[in-house]
C-alpha cells in the first residue's frame, strides 16, 4: 500500500504486508516505511499489524 500525507502532500509512505502461511488469515503483519516531511528528510520504519474485520455482508 502507498499513501500520502493530505495537508501538504509532501510525504509518501509505503506499507509492505506479509501474511502467515495459514489458510485463514485474521492478521497481517508488515512494515511501514517513509521519509519525514522536514528539512532533515529522516527515514523511518515501523512495524504494523492489521486485523481483519468481520465481514458484514455474509449471513
N, C-alpha and C. Protein backbone atom coordinates (compact mmCIF):
# COMPACT_ATOMS: atom_id res chain seq x y z
N UNK A 1 0.84 -1.16 0.00
CA UNK A 1 0.00 0.00 0.00
C UNK A 1 0.89 1.24 0.00
N UNK A 2 0.46 2.22 -0.73
CA UNK A 2 1.16 3.50 -0.73
C UNK A 2 0.16 4.57 -0.34
N UNK A 3 0.53 5.42 0.60
CA UNK A 3 -0.35 6.51 0.97
C UNK A 3 0.46 7.79 1.10
N UNK A 4 -0.23 8.91 1.16
CA UNK A 4 0.47 10.19 1.25
C UNK A 4 -0.21 11.08 2.27
N UNK A 5 0.54 12.03 2.76
CA UNK A 5 0.07 13.00 3.74
C UNK A 5 -0.85 13.99 3.03
N UNK A 6 -2.03 14.27 3.60
CA UNK A 6 -3.04 15.02 2.86
C UNK A 6 -2.98 16.54 3.02
N UNK A 7 -2.38 17.05 4.08
CA UNK A 7 -2.37 18.51 4.26
C UNK A 7 -1.54 19.23 3.22
N UNK A 8 -0.30 18.80 3.05
CA UNK A 8 0.53 19.48 2.05
C UNK A 8 1.07 18.53 0.97
N UNK A 9 0.84 17.25 1.12
CA UNK A 9 1.19 16.29 0.08
C UNK A 9 2.66 16.06 -0.15
N UNK A 10 3.50 16.37 0.83
CA UNK A 10 4.95 16.22 0.65
C UNK A 10 5.51 14.93 1.24
N UNK A 11 4.67 14.10 1.79
CA UNK A 11 5.16 12.87 2.44
C UNK A 11 4.46 11.66 1.83
N UNK A 12 5.25 10.66 1.50
CA UNK A 12 4.70 9.41 0.97
C UNK A 12 5.26 8.28 1.82
N UNK A 13 4.39 7.35 2.19
CA UNK A 13 4.83 6.17 2.92
C UNK A 13 4.38 4.93 2.16
N UNK A 14 5.06 3.83 2.42
CA UNK A 14 4.74 2.56 1.78
C UNK A 14 4.62 1.51 2.87
N UNK A 15 3.58 0.69 2.79
CA UNK A 15 3.39 -0.40 3.74
C UNK A 15 3.50 -1.71 3.00
N UNK A 16 4.36 -2.58 3.50
CA UNK A 16 4.54 -3.91 2.93
C UNK A 16 3.99 -4.90 3.94
N UNK A 17 2.98 -5.68 3.53
CA UNK A 17 2.35 -6.64 4.42
C UNK A 17 2.74 -8.05 4.01
N UNK A 18 2.93 -8.91 5.00
CA UNK A 18 3.23 -10.30 4.69
C UNK A 18 2.41 -11.20 5.61
N UNK A 19 1.53 -12.05 5.01
CA UNK A 19 0.67 -12.91 5.80
C UNK A 19 1.42 -14.12 6.32
N UNK A 20 0.84 -14.73 7.34
CA UNK A 20 1.38 -16.01 7.79
C UNK A 20 0.96 -17.07 6.77
N UNK A 21 1.41 -18.28 6.93
CA UNK A 21 1.10 -19.33 5.97
C UNK A 21 -0.13 -20.13 6.39
N UNK A 22 -1.04 -19.50 7.09
CA UNK A 22 -2.29 -20.15 7.49
C UNK A 22 -3.33 -19.93 6.40
N UNK A 23 -4.30 -20.86 6.33
CA UNK A 23 -5.35 -20.72 5.32
C UNK A 23 -6.35 -19.63 5.71
N UNK A 24 -6.59 -19.42 7.00
CA UNK A 24 -7.50 -18.39 7.48
C UNK A 24 -6.68 -17.24 8.05
N UNK A 25 -6.51 -16.19 7.27
CA UNK A 25 -5.70 -15.05 7.70
C UNK A 25 -6.59 -14.08 8.47
N UNK A 26 -6.27 -13.85 9.74
CA UNK A 26 -7.01 -12.87 10.53
C UNK A 26 -6.18 -11.64 10.81
N UNK A 27 -4.86 -11.77 10.72
CA UNK A 27 -3.97 -10.62 10.94
C UNK A 27 -2.88 -10.62 9.87
N UNK A 28 -2.52 -9.41 9.45
CA UNK A 28 -1.40 -9.23 8.54
C UNK A 28 -0.36 -8.37 9.26
N UNK A 29 0.85 -8.82 9.26
CA UNK A 29 1.93 -8.03 9.84
C UNK A 29 2.75 -7.44 8.70
N UNK A 30 3.49 -6.39 9.02
CA UNK A 30 4.30 -5.78 7.98
C UNK A 30 5.12 -4.62 8.48
N UNK A 31 5.64 -3.87 7.53
CA UNK A 31 6.49 -2.72 7.81
C UNK A 31 5.94 -1.51 7.06
N UNK A 32 5.93 -0.37 7.74
CA UNK A 32 5.54 0.90 7.10
C UNK A 32 6.79 1.77 7.06
N UNK A 33 7.17 2.19 5.86
CA UNK A 33 8.39 2.95 5.67
C UNK A 33 8.09 4.28 5.01
N UNK A 34 8.84 5.29 5.39
CA UNK A 34 8.63 6.60 4.81
C UNK A 34 9.78 7.54 5.13
N UNK A 35 9.61 8.79 4.72
CA UNK A 35 10.61 9.82 4.96
C UNK A 35 9.90 11.01 5.60
N UNK A 36 10.50 11.58 6.62
CA UNK A 36 9.90 12.71 7.33
C UNK A 36 9.76 13.92 6.41
N UNK A 37 8.70 14.68 6.65
CA UNK A 37 8.42 15.88 5.85
C UNK A 37 9.01 17.12 6.53
N UNK A 38 10.33 17.15 6.60
CA UNK A 38 11.02 18.32 7.14
C UNK A 38 12.37 18.46 6.43
N UNK A 39 13.16 19.41 6.82
CA UNK A 39 14.42 19.66 6.12
C UNK A 39 15.43 18.53 6.28
N UNK A 40 15.32 17.74 7.33
CA UNK A 40 16.28 16.64 7.56
C UNK A 40 16.00 15.42 6.70
N UNK A 41 14.74 15.23 6.29
CA UNK A 41 14.35 14.06 5.47
C UNK A 41 14.78 12.75 6.12
N UNK A 42 14.56 12.64 7.42
CA UNK A 42 14.94 11.46 8.18
C UNK A 42 14.04 10.27 7.80
N UNK A 43 14.62 9.13 7.39
CA UNK A 43 13.80 7.96 7.08
C UNK A 43 13.26 7.33 8.36
N UNK A 44 12.11 6.66 8.24
CA UNK A 44 11.55 5.97 9.40
C UNK A 44 10.94 4.65 8.95
N UNK A 45 10.84 3.73 9.89
CA UNK A 45 10.26 2.43 9.62
C UNK A 45 9.62 1.93 10.91
N UNK A 46 8.38 1.48 10.83
CA UNK A 46 7.68 0.94 12.00
C UNK A 46 7.01 -0.37 11.63
N UNK A 47 6.86 -1.24 12.62
CA UNK A 47 6.13 -2.49 12.43
C UNK A 47 4.64 -2.21 12.57
N UNK A 48 3.83 -2.86 11.74
CA UNK A 48 2.37 -2.68 11.80
C UNK A 48 1.68 -4.04 11.84
N UNK A 49 0.48 -4.04 12.42
CA UNK A 49 -0.37 -5.23 12.43
C UNK A 49 -1.77 -4.78 12.03
N UNK A 50 -2.31 -5.38 10.99
CA UNK A 50 -3.69 -5.11 10.57
C UNK A 50 -4.52 -6.33 10.93
N UNK A 51 -5.66 -6.10 11.57
CA UNK A 51 -6.55 -7.19 11.96
C UNK A 51 -7.78 -7.17 11.06
N UNK A 52 -8.19 -8.35 10.62
CA UNK A 52 -9.35 -8.46 9.75
C UNK A 52 -10.63 -8.12 10.52
N UNK A 53 -11.48 -7.32 9.88
CA UNK A 53 -12.78 -7.00 10.44
C UNK A 53 -13.79 -8.06 10.03
N UNK A 54 -14.84 -8.22 10.80
CA UNK A 54 -15.88 -9.19 10.48
C UNK A 54 -16.59 -8.76 9.20
N UNK A 55 -16.80 -9.71 8.30
CA UNK A 55 -17.48 -9.44 7.04
C UNK A 55 -18.98 -9.29 7.29
N UNK A 56 -19.48 -8.08 7.15
CA UNK A 56 -20.89 -7.80 7.43
C UNK A 56 -21.82 -8.26 6.32
N UNK A 57 -21.31 -8.57 5.14
CA UNK A 57 -22.19 -8.94 4.02
C UNK A 57 -22.57 -10.42 4.03
N UNK A 58 -21.87 -11.26 4.79
CA UNK A 58 -22.20 -12.68 4.83
C UNK A 58 -23.28 -12.94 5.88
N UNK A 59 -24.16 -13.94 5.62
CA UNK A 59 -25.25 -14.22 6.56
C UNK A 59 -24.79 -14.83 7.86
